[in-house]
Amino acid sequence: MIRWRVRWYWYVVAIGLPLAVVMLTAGLNVALGASAPSMVQFSSVSTILLVFAVRLVNPGDGPMGEEPGWRGFALPGLQSSLSPLVSTVLLAVLVTGWHVPILFLEEGGLQPSFFVGYLLGSVAVTFWYTWMFNHTGGSVLITIISHSAQGTITVSGFWSAGADLAQANLLFGVVASAVAIGLVLFDWKAWRGPAPAPATTVLSAPPTPREAAPVTPA
């Protein structure tokens, strides 16, 4: 499950993909009339690294609290009998339904633009994580890292409330969905065929005494 020996670029993808989507979303939001974004969340590199590290190991937070269940248990179980595409659609329904109650706690969470953006984003990142998980031999560590990166730099860090934030959340959902669709279209065979088996280390059983004993000629 916690498979860390993967090609180095998957660590870059895990962190860079959510960061790139957030930055593109921020740029589009400004282009569509939003006020200049606050850069407070970038004011201290040490704070960013600390938040990222805490999210990695905090069992009460999303990355460590959810990924072992969603990607470590549910996804392999679904993929044992279904294609990665169908498995991810079903998992996206479960993940999104699990998170819907949060919208009742968020300020403006039930506004149409915020609500739709949240649902789109939740479904989209489920596809991201399946893609990473399957291409790294079933590394939950990679999805934990990506999940942590996604929650460390967010659009709500650029705009804390109001119409600008609502529009940013909607745009994030749209951009994230476009990325997810791209991953499916450009890697179609991986989504339609059988899921790759998680990489495992096969240990040979120790020899029995009879097998281990030297054979003495009669």
C-alpha atoms as a PDB file:
ATOM      1  CA  MET A   1       0.000   0.000   0.000  1.00  0.00           C
ATOM      2  CA  ILE A   2       2.640   2.539   1.070  1.00  0.00           C
ATOM      3  CA  ARG A   3       4.813   1.930  -1.960  1.00  0.00           C
ATOM      4  CA  TRP A   4       7.476   4.610  -2.161  1.00  0.00           C
ATOM      5  CA  ARG A   5       9.757   3.076  -4.783  1.00  0.00           C
ATOM      6  CA  VAL A   6       8.108   4.595  -7.824  1.00  0.00           C
ATOM      7  CA  ARG A   7       9.628   6.624 -10.628  1.00  0.00           C
ATOM      8  CA  TRP A   8      10.656  10.056  -9.393  1.00  0.00           C
ATOM      9  CA  TYR A   9       8.403  11.952 -11.765  1.00  0.00           C
ATOM     10  CA  TRP A  10       5.283  10.601 -10.069  1.00  0.00           C
ATOM     11  CA  TYR A  11       6.210  12.621  -6.994  1.00  0.00           C
ATOM     12  CA  VAL A  12       6.417  15.678  -9.245  1.00  0.00           C
ATOM     13  CA  VAL A  13       3.039  14.842 -10.797  1.00  0.00           C
ATOM     14  CA  ALA A  14       1.453  14.232  -7.394  1.00  0.00           C
ATOM     15  CA  ILE A  15       2.398  17.717  -6.195  1.00  0.00           C
ATOM     16  CA  GLY A  16       2.506  19.598  -9.484  1.00  0.00           C
ATOM     17  CA  LEU A  17      -0.869  18.569 -10.907  1.00  0.00           C
ATOM     18  CA  PRO A  18      -3.100  20.011  -8.153  1.00  0.00           C
ATOM     19  CA  LEU A  19      -0.863  23.068  -7.837  1.00  0.00           C
ATOM     20  CA  ALA A  20      -1.032  23.740 -11.588  1.00  0.00           C
ATOM     21  CA  VAL A  21      -4.824  23.420 -11.584  1.00  0.00           C
ATOM     22  CA  VAL A  22      -5.165  25.858  -8.674  1.00  0.00           C
ATOM     23  CA  MET A  23      -2.855  28.394 -10.319  1.00  0.00           C
ATOM     24  CA  LEU A  24      -4.651  28.113 -13.666  1.00  0.00           C
ATOM     25  CA  THR A  25      -7.968  28.536 -11.866  1.00  0.00           C
ATOM     26  CA  ALA A  26      -6.708  31.681 -10.148  1.00  0.00           C
ATOM     27  CA  GLY A  27      -5.567  33.136 -13.454  1.00  0.00           C
ATOM     28  CA  LEU A  28      -8.891  32.405 -15.132  1.00  0.00           C
ATOM     29  CA  ASN A  29     -10.792  33.891 -12.214  1.00  0.00           C
ATOM     30  CA  VAL A  30      -8.911  37.181 -12.505  1.00  0.00           C
ATOM     31  CA  ALA A  31      -9.360  37.152 -16.291  1.00  0.00           C
ATOM     32  CA  LEU A  32     -13.117  36.825 -15.744  1.00  0.00           C
ATOM     33  CA  GLY A  33     -13.282  39.871 -13.489  1.00  0.00           C
ATOM     34  CA  ALA A  34     -12.328  38.716 -10.004  1.00  0.00           C
ATOM     35  CA  SER A  35     -10.318  41.018  -7.780  1.00  0.00           C
ATOM     36  CA  ALA A  36      -6.564  40.559  -7.438  1.00  0.00           C
ATOM     37  CA  PRO A  37      -5.885  37.393  -5.432  1.00  0.00           C
ATOM     38  CA  SER A  38      -4.355  37.513  -1.979  1.00  0.00           C
ATOM     39  CA  MET A  39      -0.874  36.009  -1.889  1.00  0.00           C
ATOM     40  CA  VAL A  40      -0.797  35.522   1.885  1.00  0.00           C
ATOM     41  CA  GLN A  41      -0.637  31.741   1.579  1.00  0.00           C
ATOM     42  CA  PHE A  42       2.666  32.124  -0.291  1.00  0.00           C
ATOM     43  CA  SER A  43       4.202  34.532   2.232  1.00  0.00           C
ATOM     44  CA  SER A  44       6.155  31.842   4.077  1.00  0.00           C
ATOM     45  CA  VAL A  45       7.681  28.793   2.439  1.00  0.00           C
ATOM     46  CA  SER A  46       8.270  27.223   5.846  1.00  0.00           C
ATOM     47  CA  THR A  47       4.564  27.561   6.666  1.00  0.00           C
ATOM     48  CA  ILE A  48       3.584  25.922   3.379  1.00  0.00           C
ATOM     49  CA  LEU A  49       5.946  23.021   4.041  1.00  0.00           C
ATOM     50  CA  LEU A  50       4.694  22.685   7.619  1.00  0.00           C
ATOM     51  CA  VAL A  51       1.037  22.599   6.555  1.00  0.00           C
ATOM     52  CA  PHE A  52       1.869  20.072   3.846  1.00  0.00           C
ATOM     53  CA  ALA A  53       3.803  17.861   6.276  1.00  0.00           C
ATOM     54  CA  VAL A  54       1.104  17.971   8.961  1.00  0.00           C
ATOM     55  CA  ARG A  55      -1.564  17.020   6.430  1.00  0.00           C
ATOM     56  CA  LEU A  56       0.572  14.069   5.364  1.00  0.00           C
ATOM     57  CA  VAL A  57       0.643  12.486   8.814  1.00  0.00           C
ATOM     58  CA  ASN A  58      -2.515  13.751  10.537  1.00  0.00           C
ATOM     59  CA  PRO A  59      -4.945  10.788  10.747  1.00  0.00           C
ATOM     60  CA  GLY A  60      -7.855  13.177  11.268  1.00  0.00           C
ATOM     61  CA  ASP A  61      -7.236  15.003   7.992  1.00  0.00           C
ATOM     62  CA  GLY A  62      -8.301  13.988   4.505  1.00  0.00           C
ATOM     63  CA  PRO A  63      -5.066  12.577   3.035  1.00  0.00           C
ATOM     64  CA  MET A  64      -4.110  10.153   5.800  1.00  0.00           C
ATOM     65  CA  GLY A  65      -7.667   9.733   7.047  1.00  0.00           C
ATOM     66  CA  GLU A  66      -9.242   8.881   3.683  1.00  0.00           C
ATOM     67  CA  GLU A  67      -6.698   7.577   1.181  1.00  0.00           C
ATOM     68  CA  PRO A  68      -6.019   4.193   2.839  1.00  0.00           C
ATOM     69  CA  GLY A  69      -9.760   3.536   2.674  1.00  0.00           C
ATOM     70  CA  TRP A  70     -10.635   4.993  -0.723  1.00  0.00           C
ATOM     71  CA  ARG A  71      -7.533   4.013  -2.696  1.00  0.00           C
ATOM     72  CA  GLY A  72      -6.016   1.376  -0.442  1.00  0.00           C
ATOM     73  CA  PHE A  73      -9.177  -0.687   0.043  1.00  0.00           C
ATOM     74  CA  ALA A  74     -12.205   0.414  -2.008  1.00  0.00           C
ATOM     75  CA  LEU A  75     -10.541   1.010  -5.378  1.00  0.00           C
ATOM     76  CA  PRO A  76      -8.666  -2.325  -5.575  1.00  0.00           C
ATOM     77  CA  GLY A  77     -11.844  -4.096  -4.500  1.00  0.00           C
ATOM     78  CA  LEU A  78     -13.890  -2.454  -7.255  1.00  0.00           C
ATOM     79  CA  GLN A  79     -11.184  -2.996  -9.852  1.00  0.00           C
ATOM     80  CA  SER A  80     -11.003  -6.701  -9.071  1.00  0.00           C
ATOM     81  CA  SER A  81     -14.189  -7.159 -11.099  1.00  0.00           C
ATOM     82  CA  LEU A  82     -14.737  -3.846 -12.920  1.00  0.00           C
ATOM     83  CA  SER A  83     -12.700  -1.675 -15.270  1.00  0.00           C
ATOM     84  CA  PRO A  84     -10.808   1.286 -13.803  1.00  0.00           C
ATOM     85  CA  LEU A  85     -13.266   3.641 -15.516  1.00  0.00           C
ATOM     86  CA  VAL A  86     -16.391   2.081 -14.024  1.00  0.00           C
ATOM     87  CA  SER A  87     -14.669   1.593 -10.673  1.00  0.00           C
ATOM     88  CA  THR A  88     -13.718   5.266 -10.544  1.00  0.00           C
ATOM     89  CA  VAL A  89     -17.226   6.423 -11.449  1.00  0.00           C
ATOM     90  CA  LEU A  90     -18.654   4.355  -8.587  1.00  0.00           C
ATOM     91  CA  LEU A  91     -15.942   5.491  -6.195  1.00  0.00           C
ATOM     92  CA  ALA A  92     -16.528   9.125  -7.198  1.00  0.00           C
ATOM     93  CA  VAL A  93     -20.183   8.774  -6.199  1.00  0.00           C
ATOM     94  CA  LEU A  94     -19.163   7.391  -2.803  1.00  0.00           C
ATOM     95  CA  VAL A  95     -16.464  10.009  -2.213  1.00  0.00           C
ATOM     96  CA  THR A  96     -18.674  12.909  -3.267  1.00  0.00           C
ATOM     97  CA  GLY A  97     -21.593  11.690  -1.182  1.00  0.00           C
ATOM     98  CA  TRP A  98     -19.261  11.365   1.808  1.00  0.00           C
ATOM     99  CA  HIS A  99     -18.196  15.005   1.440  1.00  0.00           C
ATOM    100  CA  VAL A 100     -21.585  16.619   0.722  1.00  0.00           C
ATOM    101  CA  PRO A 101     -22.352  17.279   4.439  1.00  0.00           C
ATOM    102  CA  ILE A 102     -19.283  19.539   4.543  1.00  0.00           C
ATOM    103  CA  LEU A 103     -21.099  21.951   2.248  1.00  0.00           C
ATOM    104  CA  PHE A 104     -23.594  22.688   5.021  1.00  0.00           C
ATOM    105  CA  LEU A 105     -20.699  23.871   7.194  1.00  0.00           C
ATOM    106  CA  GLU A 106     -18.967  25.998   4.557  1.00  0.00           C
ATOM    107  CA  GLU A 107     -19.937  29.650   4.235  1.00  0.00           C
ATOM    108  CA  GLY A 108     -21.864  29.891   0.979  1.00  0.00           C
ATOM    109  CA  GLY A 109     -21.483  26.159   0.451  1.00  0.00           C
ATOM    110  CA  LEU A 110     -25.024  25.766  -0.849  1.00  0.00           C
ATOM    111  CA  GLN A 111     -24.762  28.559  -3.401  1.00  0.00           C
ATOM    112  CA  PRO A 112     -25.228  26.995  -6.861  1.00  0.00           C
ATOM    113  CA  SER A 113     -21.788  27.972  -8.172  1.00  0.00           C
ATOM    114  CA  PHE A 114     -20.012  26.763  -5.031  1.00  0.00           C
ATOM    115  CA  PHE A 115     -22.069  23.559  -4.858  1.00  0.00           C
ATOM    116  CA  VAL A 116     -21.557  22.632  -8.514  1.00  0.00           C
ATOM    117  CA  GLY A 117     -17.865  23.488  -8.364  1.00  0.00           C
ATOM    118  CA  TYR A 118     -17.388  21.357  -5.276  1.00  0.00           C
ATOM    119  CA  LEU A 119     -19.128  18.355  -6.827  1.00  0.00           C
ATOM    120  CA  LEU A 120     -17.199  18.672 -10.087  1.00  0.00           C
ATOM    121  CA  GLY A 121     -13.916  18.981  -8.230  1.00  0.00           C
ATOM    122  CA  SER A 122     -14.627  15.989  -6.007  1.00  0.00           C
ATOM    123  CA  VAL A 123     -15.438  13.751  -8.965  1.00  0.00           C
ATOM    124  CA  ALA A 124     -12.474  15.027 -10.977  1.00  0.00           C
ATOM    125  CA  VAL A 125      -9.810  14.436  -8.332  1.00  0.00           C
ATOM    126  CA  THR A 126     -11.136  10.894  -7.862  1.00  0.00           C
ATOM    127  CA  PHE A 127     -10.126  10.283 -11.475  1.00  0.00           C
ATOM    128  CA  TRP A 128      -6.727  11.912 -10.874  1.00  0.00           C
ATOM    129  CA  TYR A 129      -6.005   9.642  -7.948  1.00  0.00           C
ATOM    130  CA  THR A 130      -7.066   6.469  -9.762  1.00  0.00           C
ATOM    131  CA  TRP A 131      -4.733   7.380 -12.615  1.00  0.00           C
ATOM    132  CA  MET A 132      -1.815   7.956 -10.239  1.00  0.00           C
ATOM    133  CA  PHE A 133      -2.605   4.868  -8.166  1.00  0.00           C
ATOM    134  CA  ASN A 134      -2.753   2.511 -11.129  1.00  0.00           C
ATOM    135  CA  HIS A 135       0.339   3.909 -12.831  1.00  0.00           C
ATOM    136  CA  THR A 136       2.463   3.555  -9.694  1.00  0.00           C
ATOM    137  CA  GLY A 137       1.660  -0.064  -8.993  1.00  0.00           C
ATOM    138  CA  GLY A 138      -0.930   0.783  -6.353  1.00  0.00           C
ATOM    139  CA  SER A 139       0.957   3.398  -4.334  1.00  0.00           C
ATOM    140  CA  VAL A 140      -1.364   4.944  -1.764  1.00  0.00           C
ATOM    141  CA  LEU A 141       1.580   7.095  -0.682  1.00  0.00           C
ATOM    142  CA  ILE A 142       1.449   8.953  -4.009  1.00  0.00           C
ATOM    143  CA  THR A 143      -2.265   9.690  -3.598  1.00  0.00           C
ATOM    144  CA  ILE A 144      -1.714  10.802   0.008  1.00  0.00           C
ATOM    145  CA  ILE A 145       0.961  13.230  -1.194  1.00  0.00           C
ATOM    146  CA  SER A 146      -1.261  14.554  -3.986  1.00  0.00           C
ATOM    147  CA  HIS A 147      -4.259  14.881  -1.668  1.00  0.00           C
ATOM    148  CA  SER A 148      -2.116  16.798   0.801  1.00  0.00           C
ATOM    149  CA  ALA A 149      -0.788  19.106  -1.916  1.00  0.00           C
ATOM    150  CA  GLN A 150      -4.320  19.753  -3.138  1.00  0.00           C
ATOM    151  CA  GLY A 151      -5.392  20.943   0.299  1.00  0.00           C
ATOM    152  CA  THR A 152      -2.280  22.990   1.056  1.00  0.00           C
ATOM    153  CA  ILE A 153      -2.559  25.547  -1.771  1.00  0.00           C
ATOM    154  CA  THR A 154      -6.228  26.279  -2.489  1.00  0.00           C
ATOM    155  CA  VAL A 155      -8.395  28.818  -4.282  1.00  0.00           C
ATOM    156  CA  SER A 156      -9.873  29.793  -0.908  1.00  0.00           C
ATOM    157  CA  GLY A 157      -6.396  31.002  -0.010  1.00  0.00           C
ATOM    158  CA  PHE A 158      -6.624  33.543  -2.831  1.00  0.00           C
ATOM    159  CA  TRP A 159     -10.185  34.714  -2.104  1.00  0.00           C
ATOM    160  CA  SER A 160     -11.623  34.098   1.347  1.00  0.00           C
ATOM    161  CA  ALA A 161     -15.307  34.779   0.638  1.00  0.00           C
ATOM    162  CA  GLY A 162     -17.874  36.363  -1.629  1.00  0.00           C
ATOM    163  CA  ALA A 163     -18.588  36.168  -5.339  1.00  0.00           C
ATOM    164  CA  ASP A 164     -14.909  35.910  -6.261  1.00  0.00           C
ATOM    165  CA  LEU A 165     -14.498  32.740  -4.183  1.00  0.00           C
ATOM    166  CA  ALA A 166     -17.744  31.238  -5.493  1.00  0.00           C
ATOM    167  CA  GLN A 167     -16.610  31.812  -9.067  1.00  0.00           C
ATOM    168  CA  ALA A 168     -13.147  30.430  -8.274  1.00  0.00           C
ATOM    169  CA  ASN A 169     -14.641  27.238  -6.841  1.00  0.00           C
ATOM    170  CA  LEU A 170     -16.766  26.751  -9.935  1.00  0.00           C
ATOM    171  CA  LEU A 171     -13.767  27.339 -12.181  1.00  0.00           C
ATOM    172  CA  PHE A 172     -11.680  24.900 -10.157  1.00  0.00           C
ATOM    173  CA  GLY A 173     -14.320  22.233 -10.709  1.00  0.00           C
ATOM    174  CA  VAL A 174     -14.379  22.943 -14.444  1.00  0.00           C
ATOM    175  CA  VAL A 175     -10.585  22.968 -14.845  1.00  0.00           C
ATOM    176  CA  ALA A 176     -10.153  19.861 -12.683  1.00  0.00           C
ATOM    177  CA  SER A 177     -12.827  18.078 -14.722  1.00  0.00           C
ATOM    178  CA  ALA A 178     -11.121  19.057 -17.980  1.00  0.00           C
ATOM    179  CA  VAL A 179      -7.894  17.536 -16.677  1.00  0.00           C
ATOM    180  CA  ALA A 180      -9.721  14.356 -15.633  1.00  0.00           C
ATOM    181  CA  ILE A 181     -11.352  14.041 -19.064  1.00  0.00           C
ATOM    182  CA  GLY A 182      -7.944  14.526 -20.660  1.00  0.00           C
ATOM    183  CA  LEU A 183      -6.441  11.754 -18.536  1.00  0.00           C
ATOM    184  CA  VAL A 184      -9.205   9.394 -19.633  1.00  0.00           C
ATOM    185  CA  LEU A 185      -9.055  10.267 -23.336  1.00  0.00           C
ATOM    186  CA  PHE A 186      -5.273  10.223 -23.672  1.00  0.00           C
ATOM    187  CA  ASP A 187      -4.871   7.026 -21.643  1.00  0.00           C
ATOM    188  CA  TRP A 188      -8.027   5.281 -22.813  1.00  0.00           C
ATOM    189  CA  LYS A 189      -6.664   1.731 -22.872  1.00  0.00           C
ATOM    190  CA  ALA A 190      -5.603   1.980 -19.243  1.00  0.00           C
ATOM    191  CA  TRP A 191      -9.133   2.955 -18.239  1.00  0.00           C
ATOM    192  CA  ARG A 192     -10.990   0.360 -20.291  1.00  0.00           C
ATOM    193  CA  GLY A 193      -8.809  -2.684 -19.776  1.00  0.00           C
ATOM    194  CA  PRO A 194      -8.226  -4.704 -16.629  1.00  0.00           C
ATOM    195  CA  ALA A 195      -6.601  -2.743 -13.831  1.00  0.00           C
ATOM    196  CA  PRO A 196      -2.914  -3.470 -13.316  1.00  0.00           C
ATOM    197  CA  ALA A 197      -2.243  -5.665 -10.330  1.00  0.00           C
ATOM    198  CA  PRO A 198      -0.690  -3.761  -7.411  1.00  0.00           C
ATOM    199  CA  ALA A 199       3.045  -4.315  -7.224  1.00  0.00           C
ATOM    200  CA  THR A 200       3.909  -6.786  -4.506  1.00  0.00           C
ATOM    201  CA  THR A 201       7.014  -8.511  -3.299  1.00  0.00           C
ATOM    202  CA  VAL A 202       6.638 -12.264  -3.436  1.00  0.00           C
ATOM    203  CA  LEU A 203       8.488 -14.011  -0.645  1.00  0.00           C
ATOM    204  CA  SER A 204       9.420 -17.647  -1.123  1.00  0.00           C
ATOM    205  CA  ALA A 205       8.394 -20.011   1.629  1.00  0.00           C
ATOM    206  CA  PRO A 206      11.296 -21.427   3.657  1.00  0.00           C
ATOM    207  CA  PRO A 207      12.263 -24.955   2.642  1.00  0.00           C
ATOM    208  CA  THR A 208      10.882 -27.813   4.664  1.00  0.00           C
ATOM    209  CA  PRO A 209      13.376 -29.954   6.602  1.00  0.00           C
ATOM    210  CA  ARG A 210      13.035 -32.678   3.959  1.00  0.00           C
ATOM    211  CA  GLU A 211      13.758 -30.167   1.158  1.00  0.00           C
ATOM    212  CA  ALA A 212      16.633 -28.579   3.046  1.00  0.00           C
ATOM    213  CA  ALA A 213      18.374 -31.807   4.055  1.00  0.00           C
ATOM    214  CA  PRO A 214      21.134 -32.964   1.690  1.00  0.00           C
ATOM    215  CA  VAL A 215      20.514 -36.180  -0.113  1.00  0.00           C
ATOM    216  CA  THR A 216      23.059 -38.836   0.863  1.00  0.00           C
ATOM    217  CA  PRO A 217      23.737 -41.483  -1.778  1.00  0.00           C
ATOM    218  CA  ALA A 218      22.874 -45.007  -0.662  1.00  0.00           C
END
